[in-house]
Amino acid sequence: MMRFEQLKNKPAMMKCLTGLTAEGFMALLPAFRVAYEADLAGRDEQRAAPRQRERGAGQKGALPTVADKLVFILFYFRVYPVQMAQGYLFGMGQPQANEWIHRLSALLKVALGYDLQLPARTPKDIKAALETCPGLEFIIDGTERLIRRPKDKQRQKANYSGKKKRHTRKNNVITDKTTGKIRGLSPTVEGKRHDKKLADEQAAVFPKGSKLWKDTGFQGYEPPQVQSFQPTKKPKGRDLSPQEKLVNTTISKARIRIEHSLGGVKVFRIVHDVFRNFRADFDDLVMEIACALHNFRSDHPLTA
């Protein structure tokens, strides 16, 4: 069975199975422990009858320590095995693995929130987050994730992406151009939704004097008091001028940072592979956590 004690002295294996260095794991562990203890206290308050014995008494579970629980949930996000395999590797059945996955995912989000790594979600919070970025230079882009083909015909139609030729879910992300951290994340919507329409609906507020790099999918998206940079589309019937090509190349070189950031997010296979979970809003939660884990990894890089 997989345990923290087995991994803590194997940094390469820790990085492979959790996506974090041993130092990064130990930096996240205290916040995760606080979140877990707060969750236990809340569960005790909701008990119908007082405890008959001290917490932790009795038979030890499949995840005996908080560190083991953190390994469990990071491994699920990093590798994204089927739940039966996840349970087998940690000494439990599929139903118990499913219960732990959803419980610990919520606690992982809380822990990353303590460390201020979560992307902002509302217009007010996005503005506050962007104001802390030193260069006030940002990149916006859309990203899609594959899902299983829905059985419901209306959901099939809504989630069918003409771009990916598959059924997908979509988010817009706003990245700090200087650090590569993801500072803003839109709601998770059906893959058919256009990037620009989703940006209009989110109505993110940028600080005055910001610079914003975007691609042609955001044609017409012009936040107030923001200087935007967007490639010129090739006109029908003629080629771009050498000057237009040079400007497009310059913009593409600036925008490549967001592709690196999205690559860092999709290191976690749960937002890279075909998404298999069906619980409502779980697809949104895992994307938020994966973005926060990318931000956390930026502060605790894999190489010195």
C-alpha atoms as a PDB file:
ATOM      1  CA  MET A   1       0.000   0.000   0.000  1.00  0.00           C
ATOM      2  CA  MET A   2       1.180   3.525  -0.788  1.00  0.00           C
ATOM      3  CA  ARG A   3       2.240   5.516   2.260  1.00  0.00           C
ATOM      4  CA  PHE A   4       3.951   8.831   2.951  1.00  0.00           C
ATOM      5  CA  GLU A   5       6.703   7.048   4.888  1.00  0.00           C
ATOM      6  CA  GLN A   6       7.627   5.170   1.713  1.00  0.00           C
ATOM      7  CA  LEU A   7       7.793   8.332  -0.411  1.00  0.00           C
ATOM      8  CA  LYS A   8       9.356  10.946   1.849  1.00  0.00           C
ATOM      9  CA  ASN A   9      12.905   9.703   1.190  1.00  0.00           C
ATOM     10  CA  LYS A  10      12.304   9.165  -2.536  1.00  0.00           C
ATOM     11  CA  PRO A  11      12.102  12.688  -4.006  1.00  0.00           C
ATOM     12  CA  ALA A  12      11.872  11.551  -7.636  1.00  0.00           C
ATOM     13  CA  MET A  13       8.992   9.202  -6.835  1.00  0.00           C
ATOM     14  CA  MET A  14       7.272  11.861  -4.710  1.00  0.00           C
ATOM     15  CA  LYS A  15       7.445  14.281  -7.636  1.00  0.00           C
ATOM     16  CA  CYS A  16       6.183  11.641 -10.072  1.00  0.00           C
ATOM     17  CA  LEU A  17       3.208  10.499  -7.981  1.00  0.00           C
ATOM     18  CA  THR A  18       2.053  13.776  -6.411  1.00  0.00           C
ATOM     19  CA  GLY A  19       3.312  16.495  -8.756  1.00  0.00           C
ATOM     20  CA  LEU A  20       5.129  18.190  -5.847  1.00  0.00           C
ATOM     21  CA  THR A  21       8.679  18.067  -4.609  1.00  0.00           C
ATOM     22  CA  ALA A  22       9.252  16.710  -1.120  1.00  0.00           C
ATOM     23  CA  GLU A  23       9.832  20.312   0.009  1.00  0.00           C
ATOM     24  CA  GLY A  24       6.617  21.463  -1.650  1.00  0.00           C
ATOM     25  CA  PHE A  25       4.679  18.606  -0.073  1.00  0.00           C
ATOM     26  CA  MET A  26       5.977  19.481   3.388  1.00  0.00           C
ATOM     27  CA  ALA A  27       5.130  23.163   2.784  1.00  0.00           C
ATOM     28  CA  LEU A  28       1.518  22.267   1.934  1.00  0.00           C
ATOM     29  CA  LEU A  29       1.067  19.713   4.717  1.00  0.00           C
ATOM     30  CA  PRO A  30       0.560  22.148   7.666  1.00  0.00           C
ATOM     31  CA  ALA A  31      -2.286  23.985   5.886  1.00  0.00           C
ATOM     32  CA  PHE A  32      -3.854  20.670   4.897  1.00  0.00           C
ATOM     33  CA  ARG A  33      -3.623  19.482   8.516  1.00  0.00           C
ATOM     34  CA  VAL A  34      -5.380  22.635   9.734  1.00  0.00           C
ATOM     35  CA  ALA A  35      -8.147  22.125   7.154  1.00  0.00           C
ATOM     36  CA  TYR A  36      -8.537  18.473   8.150  1.00  0.00           C
ATOM     37  CA  GLU A  37      -8.681  19.224  11.875  1.00  0.00           C
ATOM     38  CA  ALA A  38     -11.286  21.938  11.263  1.00  0.00           C
ATOM     39  CA  ASP A  39     -13.335  19.457   9.244  1.00  0.00           C
ATOM     40  CA  LEU A  40     -13.162  16.893  12.071  1.00  0.00           C
ATOM     41  CA  ALA A  41     -14.262  19.513  14.597  1.00  0.00           C
ATOM     42  CA  GLY A  42     -17.205  20.450  12.397  1.00  0.00           C
ATOM     43  CA  ARG A  43     -18.226  16.820  12.056  1.00  0.00           C
ATOM     44  CA  ASP A  44     -18.068  16.371  15.835  1.00  0.00           C
ATOM     45  CA  GLU A  45     -20.395  19.344  16.302  1.00  0.00           C
ATOM     46  CA  GLN A  46     -22.929  17.764  13.944  1.00  0.00           C
ATOM     47  CA  ARG A  47     -22.987  14.413  15.745  1.00  0.00           C
ATOM     48  CA  ALA A  48     -26.360  13.501  17.189  1.00  0.00           C
ATOM     49  CA  ALA A  49     -24.750  12.092  20.343  1.00  0.00           C
ATOM     50  CA  PRO A  50     -21.465  12.931  22.121  1.00  0.00           C
ATOM     51  CA  ARG A  51     -18.398  10.819  21.404  1.00  0.00           C
ATOM     52  CA  GLN A  52     -18.008   7.732  23.588  1.00  0.00           C
ATOM     53  CA  ARG A  53     -14.235   7.622  23.106  1.00  0.00           C
ATOM     54  CA  GLU A  54     -11.399   9.912  22.074  1.00  0.00           C
ATOM     55  CA  ARG A  55     -10.950  10.725  18.413  1.00  0.00           C
ATOM     56  CA  GLY A  56      -8.481   8.322  16.797  1.00  0.00           C
ATOM     57  CA  ALA A  57      -9.221   5.423  19.119  1.00  0.00           C
ATOM     58  CA  GLY A  58     -10.143   2.026  17.713  1.00  0.00           C
ATOM     59  CA  GLN A  59      -8.965   0.338  14.535  1.00  0.00           C
ATOM     60  CA  LYS A  60      -6.642   2.370  12.310  1.00  0.00           C
ATOM     61  CA  GLY A  61      -8.046   3.252   8.919  1.00  0.00           C
ATOM     62  CA  ALA A  62      -6.519   2.840   5.475  1.00  0.00           C
ATOM     63  CA  LEU A  63      -5.147   6.410   5.656  1.00  0.00           C
ATOM     64  CA  PRO A  64      -3.782   6.578   9.204  1.00  0.00           C
ATOM     65  CA  THR A  65      -2.028   9.960   9.045  1.00  0.00           C
ATOM     66  CA  VAL A  66      -2.831  13.369   7.596  1.00  0.00           C
ATOM     67  CA  ALA A  67       0.262  13.045   5.379  1.00  0.00           C
ATOM     68  CA  ASP A  68      -1.138   9.782   3.973  1.00  0.00           C
ATOM     69  CA  LYS A  69      -4.401  11.559   3.204  1.00  0.00           C
ATOM     70  CA  LEU A  70      -2.557  14.330   1.361  1.00  0.00           C
ATOM     71  CA  VAL A  71      -0.606  11.751  -0.665  1.00  0.00           C
ATOM     72  CA  PHE A  72      -3.912  10.033  -1.477  1.00  0.00           C
ATOM     73  CA  ILE A  73      -5.626  13.097  -2.924  1.00  0.00           C
ATOM     74  CA  LEU A  74      -2.553  14.493  -4.705  1.00  0.00           C
ATOM     75  CA  PHE A  75      -1.965  11.102  -6.303  1.00  0.00           C
ATOM     76  CA  TYR A  76      -5.570  11.076  -7.538  1.00  0.00           C
ATOM     77  CA  PHE A  77      -5.203  14.535  -9.098  1.00  0.00           C
ATOM     78  CA  ARG A  78      -1.752  13.793 -10.550  1.00  0.00           C
ATOM     79  CA  VAL A  79      -2.393  10.306 -11.995  1.00  0.00           C
ATOM     80  CA  TYR A  80      -6.225  10.151 -12.149  1.00  0.00           C
ATOM     81  CA  PRO A  81      -6.658   6.364 -11.947  1.00  0.00           C
ATOM     82  CA  VAL A  82     -10.077   4.742 -11.906  1.00  0.00           C
ATOM     83  CA  GLN A  83     -11.423   4.692  -8.372  1.00  0.00           C
ATOM     84  CA  MET A  84     -11.119   0.911  -8.036  1.00  0.00           C
ATOM     85  CA  ALA A  85      -7.386   1.173  -8.764  1.00  0.00           C
ATOM     86  CA  GLN A  86      -7.059   4.167  -6.425  1.00  0.00           C
ATOM     87  CA  GLY A  87      -8.650   2.170  -3.634  1.00  0.00           C
ATOM     88  CA  TYR A  88      -6.515  -0.908  -4.300  1.00  0.00           C
ATOM     89  CA  LEU A  89      -3.290   1.099  -4.105  1.00  0.00           C
ATOM     90  CA  PHE A  90      -4.302   2.593  -0.752  1.00  0.00           C
ATOM     91  CA  GLY A  91      -5.851  -0.511   0.816  1.00  0.00           C
ATOM     92  CA  MET A  92      -9.571   0.193   0.498  1.00  0.00           C
ATOM     93  CA  GLY A  93     -12.548  -0.583  -1.707  1.00  0.00           C
ATOM     94  CA  GLN A  94     -13.943   1.618  -4.481  1.00  0.00           C
ATOM     95  CA  PRO A  95     -16.873   3.024  -2.432  1.00  0.00           C
ATOM     96  CA  GLN A  96     -14.528   4.136   0.351  1.00  0.00           C
ATOM     97  CA  ALA A  97     -12.081   5.579  -2.188  1.00  0.00           C
ATOM     98  CA  ASN A  98     -14.930   7.581  -3.749  1.00  0.00           C
ATOM     99  CA  GLU A  99     -15.915   8.974  -0.348  1.00  0.00           C
ATOM    100  CA  TRP A 100     -12.337  10.002   0.491  1.00  0.00           C
ATOM    101  CA  ILE A 101     -11.789  11.575  -2.935  1.00  0.00           C
ATOM    102  CA  HIS A 102     -14.692  13.979  -2.568  1.00  0.00           C
ATOM    103  CA  ARG A 103     -14.031  14.733   1.083  1.00  0.00           C
ATOM    104  CA  LEU A 104     -10.311  15.384   0.656  1.00  0.00           C
ATOM    105  CA  SER A 105     -10.734  17.376  -2.557  1.00  0.00           C
ATOM    106  CA  ALA A 106     -12.746  19.964  -0.650  1.00  0.00           C
ATOM    107  CA  LEU A 107     -10.090  20.069   2.093  1.00  0.00           C
ATOM    108  CA  LEU A 108      -7.290  20.441  -0.460  1.00  0.00           C
ATOM    109  CA  LYS A 109      -9.055  23.514  -1.832  1.00  0.00           C
ATOM    110  CA  VAL A 110      -9.329  24.961   1.684  1.00  0.00           C
ATOM    111  CA  ALA A 111      -5.631  24.313   2.336  1.00  0.00           C
ATOM    112  CA  LEU A 112      -4.578  26.011  -0.897  1.00  0.00           C
ATOM    113  CA  GLY A 113      -6.838  28.911   0.023  1.00  0.00           C
ATOM    114  CA  TYR A 114      -4.940  29.346   3.297  1.00  0.00           C
ATOM    115  CA  ASP A 115      -1.793  29.757   1.192  1.00  0.00           C
ATOM    116  CA  LEU A 116      -3.538  32.275  -1.127  1.00  0.00           C
ATOM    117  CA  GLN A 117      -3.015  30.114  -4.216  1.00  0.00           C
ATOM    118  CA  LEU A 118      -6.622  29.843  -5.412  1.00  0.00           C
ATOM    119  CA  PRO A 119      -7.553  31.804  -8.554  1.00  0.00           C
ATOM    120  CA  ALA A 120     -10.189  34.502  -8.073  1.00  0.00           C
ATOM    121  CA  ARG A 121     -13.648  33.670  -9.404  1.00  0.00           C
ATOM    122  CA  THR A 122     -15.841  36.788  -9.059  1.00  0.00           C
ATOM    123  CA  PRO A 123     -15.306  40.192 -10.772  1.00  0.00           C
ATOM    124  CA  LYS A 124     -14.580  41.900  -7.447  1.00  0.00           C
ATOM    125  CA  ASP A 125     -12.096  39.237  -6.330  1.00  0.00           C
ATOM    126  CA  ILE A 126     -10.423  39.148  -9.738  1.00  0.00           C
ATOM    127  CA  LYS A 127      -9.832  42.896  -9.655  1.00  0.00           C
ATOM    128  CA  ALA A 128      -8.349  42.650  -6.154  1.00  0.00           C
ATOM    129  CA  ALA A 129      -6.102  39.766  -7.210  1.00  0.00           C
ATOM    130  CA  LEU A 130      -4.913  41.509 -10.366  1.00  0.00           C
ATOM    131  CA  GLU A 131      -4.093  44.705  -8.485  1.00  0.00           C
ATOM    132  CA  THR A 132      -1.424  42.790  -6.540  1.00  0.00           C
ATOM    133  CA  CYS A 133       0.444  41.857  -9.745  1.00  0.00           C
ATOM    134  CA  PRO A 134       3.462  44.191 -10.119  1.00  0.00           C
ATOM    135  CA  GLY A 135       3.517  44.624 -13.895  1.00  0.00           C
ATOM    136  CA  LEU A 136      -0.256  44.830 -14.515  1.00  0.00           C
ATOM    137  CA  GLU A 137       0.298  42.691 -17.613  1.00  0.00           C
ATOM    138  CA  PHE A 138      -2.115  39.829 -18.167  1.00  0.00           C
ATOM    139  CA  ILE A 139      -3.008  37.142 -20.687  1.00  0.00           C
ATOM    140  CA  ILE A 140      -6.509  35.725 -21.171  1.00  0.00           C
ATOM    141  CA  ASP A 141      -7.282  32.458 -22.921  1.00  0.00           C
ATOM    142  CA  GLY A 142      -9.839  29.673 -23.011  1.00  0.00           C
ATOM    143  CA  THR A 143      -9.100  26.021 -22.287  1.00  0.00           C
ATOM    144  CA  GLU A 144     -11.232  22.952 -22.874  1.00  0.00           C
ATOM    145  CA  ARG A 145     -11.265  19.561 -21.141  1.00  0.00           C
ATOM    146  CA  LEU A 146     -12.673  16.379 -22.641  1.00  0.00           C
ATOM    147  CA  ILE A 147     -15.625  14.691 -20.962  1.00  0.00           C
ATOM    148  CA  ARG A 148     -17.544  11.517 -21.671  1.00  0.00           C
ATOM    149  CA  ARG A 149     -20.298  11.827 -24.233  1.00  0.00           C
ATOM    150  CA  PRO A 150     -23.455  12.750 -22.261  1.00  0.00           C
ATOM    151  CA  LYS A 151     -26.474  10.498 -22.695  1.00  0.00           C
ATOM    152  CA  ASP A 152     -28.919  13.412 -22.648  1.00  0.00           C
ATOM    153  CA  LYS A 153     -29.292  14.859 -26.169  1.00  0.00           C
ATOM    154  CA  GLN A 154     -29.497  18.469 -24.993  1.00  0.00           C
ATOM    155  CA  ARG A 155     -26.322  18.084 -22.939  1.00  0.00           C
ATOM    156  CA  GLN A 156     -24.659  16.385 -25.900  1.00  0.00           C
ATOM    157  CA  LYS A 157     -25.411  19.359 -28.112  1.00  0.00           C
ATOM    158  CA  ALA A 158     -24.377  21.966 -25.514  1.00  0.00           C
ATOM    159  CA  ASN A 159     -21.094  20.262 -24.668  1.00  0.00           C
ATOM    160  CA  TYR A 160     -20.043  19.420 -28.217  1.00  0.00           C
ATOM    161  CA  SER A 161     -17.011  21.496 -29.162  1.00  0.00           C
ATOM    162  CA  GLY A 162     -16.596  22.268 -32.824  1.00  0.00           C
ATOM    163  CA  LYS A 163     -12.973  23.090 -32.054  1.00  0.00           C
ATOM    164  CA  LYS A 164     -12.118  19.787 -30.393  1.00  0.00           C
ATOM    165  CA  LYS A 165     -14.696  17.655 -32.267  1.00  0.00           C
ATOM    166  CA  ARG A 166     -15.468  16.086 -28.906  1.00  0.00           C
ATOM    167  CA  HIS A 167     -17.635  16.801 -25.891  1.00  0.00           C
ATOM    168  CA  THR A 168     -15.863  19.213 -23.563  1.00  0.00           C
ATOM    169  CA  ARG A 169     -16.128  21.585 -20.637  1.00  0.00           C
ATOM    170  CA  LYS A 170     -14.545  25.031 -20.861  1.00  0.00           C
ATOM    171  CA  ASN A 171     -12.979  27.751 -18.704  1.00  0.00           C
ATOM    172  CA  ASN A 172     -11.347  31.091 -19.367  1.00  0.00           C
ATOM    173  CA  VAL A 173      -8.188  31.796 -17.395  1.00  0.00           C
ATOM    174  CA  ILE A 174      -6.406  35.075 -16.682  1.00  0.00           C
ATOM    175  CA  THR A 175      -2.669  34.719 -16.133  1.00  0.00           C
ATOM    176  CA  ASP A 176      -0.133  37.124 -14.682  1.00  0.00           C
ATOM    177  CA  LYS A 177       2.305  37.570 -17.568  1.00  0.00           C
ATOM    178  CA  THR A 178       5.226  38.179 -15.202  1.00  0.00           C
ATOM    179  CA  THR A 179       4.910  35.158 -12.901  1.00  0.00           C
ATOM    180  CA  GLY A 180       2.802  32.771 -14.981  1.00  0.00           C
ATOM    181  CA  LYS A 181       0.377  32.321 -12.076  1.00  0.00           C
ATOM    182  CA  ILE A 182      -3.312  31.942 -12.857  1.00  0.00           C
ATOM    183  CA  ARG A 183      -5.054  34.838 -11.128  1.00  0.00           C
ATOM    184  CA  GLY A 184      -8.588  34.521 -12.501  1.00  0.00           C
ATOM    185  CA  LEU A 185     -10.764  31.557 -13.464  1.00  0.00           C
ATOM    186  CA  SER A 186     -14.198  31.678 -15.060  1.00  0.00           C
ATOM    187  CA  PRO A 187     -17.060  29.335 -14.166  1.00  0.00           C
ATOM    188  CA  THR A 188     -16.925  25.937 -15.879  1.00  0.00           C
ATOM    189  CA  VAL A 189     -19.342  25.927 -18.810  1.00  0.00           C
ATOM    190  CA  GLU A 190     -20.282  23.757 -21.776  1.00  0.00           C
ATOM    191  CA  GLY A 191     -17.637  23.426 -24.468  1.00  0.00           C
ATOM    192  CA  LYS A 192     -19.833  25.050 -27.097  1.00  0.00           C
ATOM    193  CA  ARG A 193     -19.681  28.440 -25.326  1.00  0.00           C
ATOM    194  CA  HIS A 194     -17.533  30.981 -27.177  1.00  0.00           C
ATOM    195  CA  ASP A 195     -14.482  32.381 -25.364  1.00  0.00           C
ATOM    196  CA  LYS A 196     -15.542  35.987 -25.876  1.00  0.00           C
ATOM    197  CA  LYS A 197     -19.104  35.340 -24.739  1.00  0.00           C
ATOM    198  CA  LEU A 198     -17.855  33.646 -21.585  1.00  0.00           C
ATOM    199  CA  ALA A 199     -15.540  36.601 -20.894  1.00  0.00           C
ATOM    200  CA  ASP A 200     -18.438  39.036 -21.322  1.00  0.00           C
ATOM    201  CA  GLU A 201     -20.588  36.999 -18.931  1.00  0.00           C
ATOM    202  CA  GLN A 202     -17.881  36.857 -16.280  1.00  0.00           C
ATOM    203  CA  ALA A 203     -17.338  40.636 -16.570  1.00  0.00           C
ATOM    204  CA  ALA A 204     -13.888  40.568 -14.972  1.00  0.00           C
ATOM    205  CA  VAL A 205     -12.634  43.998 -13.910  1.00  0.00           C
ATOM    206  CA  PHE A 206      -8.998  44.822 -14.717  1.00  0.00           C
ATOM    207  CA  PRO A 207      -7.023  47.525 -12.878  1.00  0.00           C
ATOM    208  CA  LYS A 208      -6.732  50.841 -14.690  1.00  0.00           C
ATOM    209  CA  GLY A 209      -3.720  50.923 -16.996  1.00  0.00           C
ATOM    210  CA  SER A 210      -3.466  47.145 -17.409  1.00  0.00           C
ATOM    211  CA  LYS A 211      -2.120  45.513 -20.546  1.00  0.00           C
ATOM    212  CA  LEU A 212      -4.003  42.480 -21.841  1.00  0.00           C
ATOM    213  CA  TRP A 213      -2.826  39.941 -24.393  1.00  0.00           C
ATOM    214  CA  LYS A 214      -5.502  37.832 -26.083  1.00  0.00           C
ATOM    215  CA  ASP A 215      -6.032  35.685 -29.173  1.00  0.00           C
ATOM    216  CA  THR A 216      -8.531  36.099 -32.001  1.00  0.00           C
ATOM    217  CA  GLY A 217     -11.171  34.192 -30.030  1.00  0.00           C
ATOM    218  CA  PHE A 218     -11.630  37.373 -27.979  1.00  0.00           C
ATOM    219  CA  GLN A 219     -12.295  39.671 -30.950  1.00  0.00           C
ATOM    220  CA  GLY A 220     -14.351  42.599 -29.625  1.00  0.00           C
ATOM    221  CA  TYR A 221     -13.532  41.963 -25.956  1.00  0.00           C
ATOM    222  CA  GLU A 222     -12.232  45.325 -24.762  1.00  0.00           C
ATOM    223  CA  PRO A 223     -12.333  45.880 -20.983  1.00  0.00           C
ATOM    224  CA  PRO A 224     -12.412  49.591 -20.070  1.00  0.00           C
ATOM    225  CA  GLN A 225      -9.162  51.453 -19.371  1.00  0.00           C
ATOM    226  CA  VAL A 226      -7.116  48.479 -20.602  1.00  0.00           C
ATOM    227  CA  GLN A 227      -4.612  48.402 -23.466  1.00  0.00           C
ATOM    228  CA  SER A 228      -5.156  45.169 -25.384  1.00  0.00           C
ATOM    229  CA  PHE A 229      -2.972  43.317 -27.874  1.00  0.00           C
ATOM    230  CA  GLN A 230      -4.475  40.861 -30.333  1.00  0.00           C
ATOM    231  CA  PRO A 231      -3.136  39.227 -33.521  1.00  0.00           C
ATOM    232  CA  THR A 232      -4.500  40.460 -36.835  1.00  0.00           C
ATOM    233  CA  LYS A 233      -6.595  37.911 -38.688  1.00  0.00           C
ATOM    234  CA  LYS A 234      -5.574  37.118 -42.251  1.00  0.00           C
ATOM    235  CA  PRO A 235      -7.996  39.013 -44.506  1.00  0.00           C
ATOM    236  CA  LYS A 236      -9.945  37.028 -47.059  1.00  0.00           C
ATOM    237  CA  GLY A 237      -8.271  37.207 -50.455  1.00  0.00           C
ATOM    238  CA  ARG A 238      -4.932  38.679 -49.415  1.00  0.00           C
ATOM    239  CA  ASP A 239      -1.923  37.987 -47.223  1.00  0.00           C
ATOM    240  CA  LEU A 240      -0.889  39.892 -44.132  1.00  0.00           C
ATOM    241  CA  SER A 241       1.690  42.612 -44.641  1.00  0.00           C
ATOM    242  CA  PRO A 242       5.238  42.061 -43.293  1.00  0.00           C
ATOM    243  CA  GLN A 243       4.505  44.602 -40.536  1.00  0.00           C
ATOM    244  CA  GLU A 244       1.310  42.767 -39.518  1.00  0.00           C
ATOM    245  CA  LYS A 245       3.186  39.460 -39.460  1.00  0.00           C
ATOM    246  CA  LEU A 246       5.880  40.996 -37.263  1.00  0.00           C
ATOM    247  CA  VAL A 247       3.283  42.340 -34.818  1.00  0.00           C
ATOM    248  CA  ASN A 248       1.527  38.948 -34.726  1.00  0.00           C
ATOM    249  CA  THR A 249       4.816  37.220 -33.977  1.00  0.00           C
ATOM    250  CA  THR A 250       5.546  39.645 -31.143  1.00  0.00           C
ATOM    251  CA  ILE A 251       2.105  39.083 -29.623  1.00  0.00           C
ATOM    252  CA  SER A 252       2.442  35.299 -29.962  1.00  0.00           C
ATOM    253  CA  LYS A 253       5.777  35.390 -28.137  1.00  0.00           C
ATOM    254  CA  ALA A 254       4.107  37.289 -25.273  1.00  0.00           C
ATOM    255  CA  ARG A 255       1.094  34.967 -25.190  1.00  0.00           C
ATOM    256  CA  ILE A 256       3.154  31.774 -25.056  1.00  0.00           C
ATOM    257  CA  ARG A 257       3.407  32.239 -21.276  1.00  0.00           C
ATOM    258  CA  ILE A 258      -0.231  31.255 -20.832  1.00  0.00           C
ATOM    259  CA  GLU A 259       0.342  28.032 -22.781  1.00  0.00           C
ATOM    260  CA  HIS A 260       3.122  27.187 -20.332  1.00  0.00           C
ATOM    261  CA  SER A 261       0.777  27.952 -17.425  1.00  0.00           C
ATOM    262  CA  LEU A 262      -1.988  25.758 -18.830  1.00  0.00           C
ATOM    263  CA  GLY A 263       0.581  23.035 -19.363  1.00  0.00           C
ATOM    264  CA  GLY A 264       1.463  23.337 -15.681  1.00  0.00           C
ATOM    265  CA  VAL A 265      -2.214  22.993 -14.748  1.00  0.00           C
ATOM    266  CA  LYS A 266      -2.662  19.932 -16.953  1.00  0.00           C
ATOM    267  CA  VAL A 267       0.281  18.154 -15.361  1.00  0.00           C
ATOM    268  CA  PHE A 268      -2.545  16.972 -13.130  1.00  0.00           C
ATOM    269  CA  ARG A 269      -4.195  14.322 -15.277  1.00  0.00           C
ATOM    270  CA  ILE A 270      -7.617  14.902 -13.757  1.00  0.00           C
ATOM    271  CA  VAL A 271      -7.906  18.029 -15.957  1.00  0.00           C
ATOM    272  CA  HIS A 272      -5.992  16.519 -18.877  1.00  0.00           C
ATOM    273  CA  ASP A 273      -7.609  13.118 -19.453  1.00  0.00           C
ATOM    274  CA  VAL A 274     -11.248  12.471 -20.308  1.00  0.00           C
ATOM    275  CA  PHE A 275     -13.166  13.487 -17.184  1.00  0.00           C
ATOM    276  CA  ARG A 276     -15.108  10.534 -15.745  1.00  0.00           C
ATOM    277  CA  ASN A 277     -16.701  11.882 -12.555  1.00  0.00           C
ATOM    278  CA  PHE A 278     -20.412  12.670 -12.533  1.00  0.00           C
ATOM    279  CA  ARG A 279     -20.974  14.517  -9.250  1.00  0.00           C
ATOM    280  CA  ALA A 280     -22.472  17.973  -9.840  1.00  0.00           C
ATOM    281  CA  ASP A 281     -19.929  20.820  -9.954  1.00  0.00           C
ATOM    282  CA  PHE A 282     -16.978  18.496  -9.326  1.00  0.00           C
ATOM    283  CA  ASP A 283     -15.546  19.393 -12.746  1.00  0.00           C
ATOM    284  CA  ASP A 284     -15.419  23.042 -11.651  1.00  0.00           C
ATOM    285  CA  LEU A 285     -13.838  22.190  -8.281  1.00  0.00           C
ATOM    286  CA  VAL A 286     -11.025  20.103  -9.760  1.00  0.00           C
ATOM    287  CA  MET A 287     -10.140  22.813 -12.292  1.00  0.00           C
ATOM    288  CA  GLU A 288      -9.929  25.397  -9.512  1.00  0.00           C
ATOM    289  CA  ILE A 289      -7.718  23.096  -7.437  1.00  0.00           C
ATOM    290  CA  ALA A 290      -5.485  22.229 -10.409  1.00  0.00           C
ATOM    291  CA  CYS A 291      -4.936  25.949 -11.101  1.00  0.00           C
ATOM    292  CA  ALA A 292      -4.105  26.513  -7.427  1.00  0.00           C
ATOM    293  CA  LEU A 293      -1.668  23.579  -7.455  1.00  0.00           C
ATOM    294  CA  HIS A 294       0.048  25.124 -10.487  1.00  0.00           C
ATOM    295  CA  ASN A 295       0.328  28.423  -8.580  1.00  0.00           C
ATOM    296  CA  PHE A 296       1.672  26.564  -5.550  1.00  0.00           C
ATOM    297  CA  ARG A 297       4.232  24.757  -7.711  1.00  0.00           C
ATOM    298  CA  SER A 298       5.375  28.144  -9.046  1.00  0.00           C
ATOM    299  CA  ASP A 299       6.394  29.043  -5.492  1.00  0.00           C
ATOM    300  CA  HIS A 300       7.957  25.596  -4.937  1.00  0.00           C
ATOM    301  CA  PRO A 301       9.528  24.768  -8.317  1.00  0.00           C
ATOM    302  CA  LEU A 302      10.522  21.258  -9.259  1.00  0.00           C
ATOM    303  CA  THR A 303      14.087  22.353  -9.977  1.00  0.00           C
ATOM    304  CA  ALA A 304      16.236  24.676  -7.893  1.00  0.00           C
END
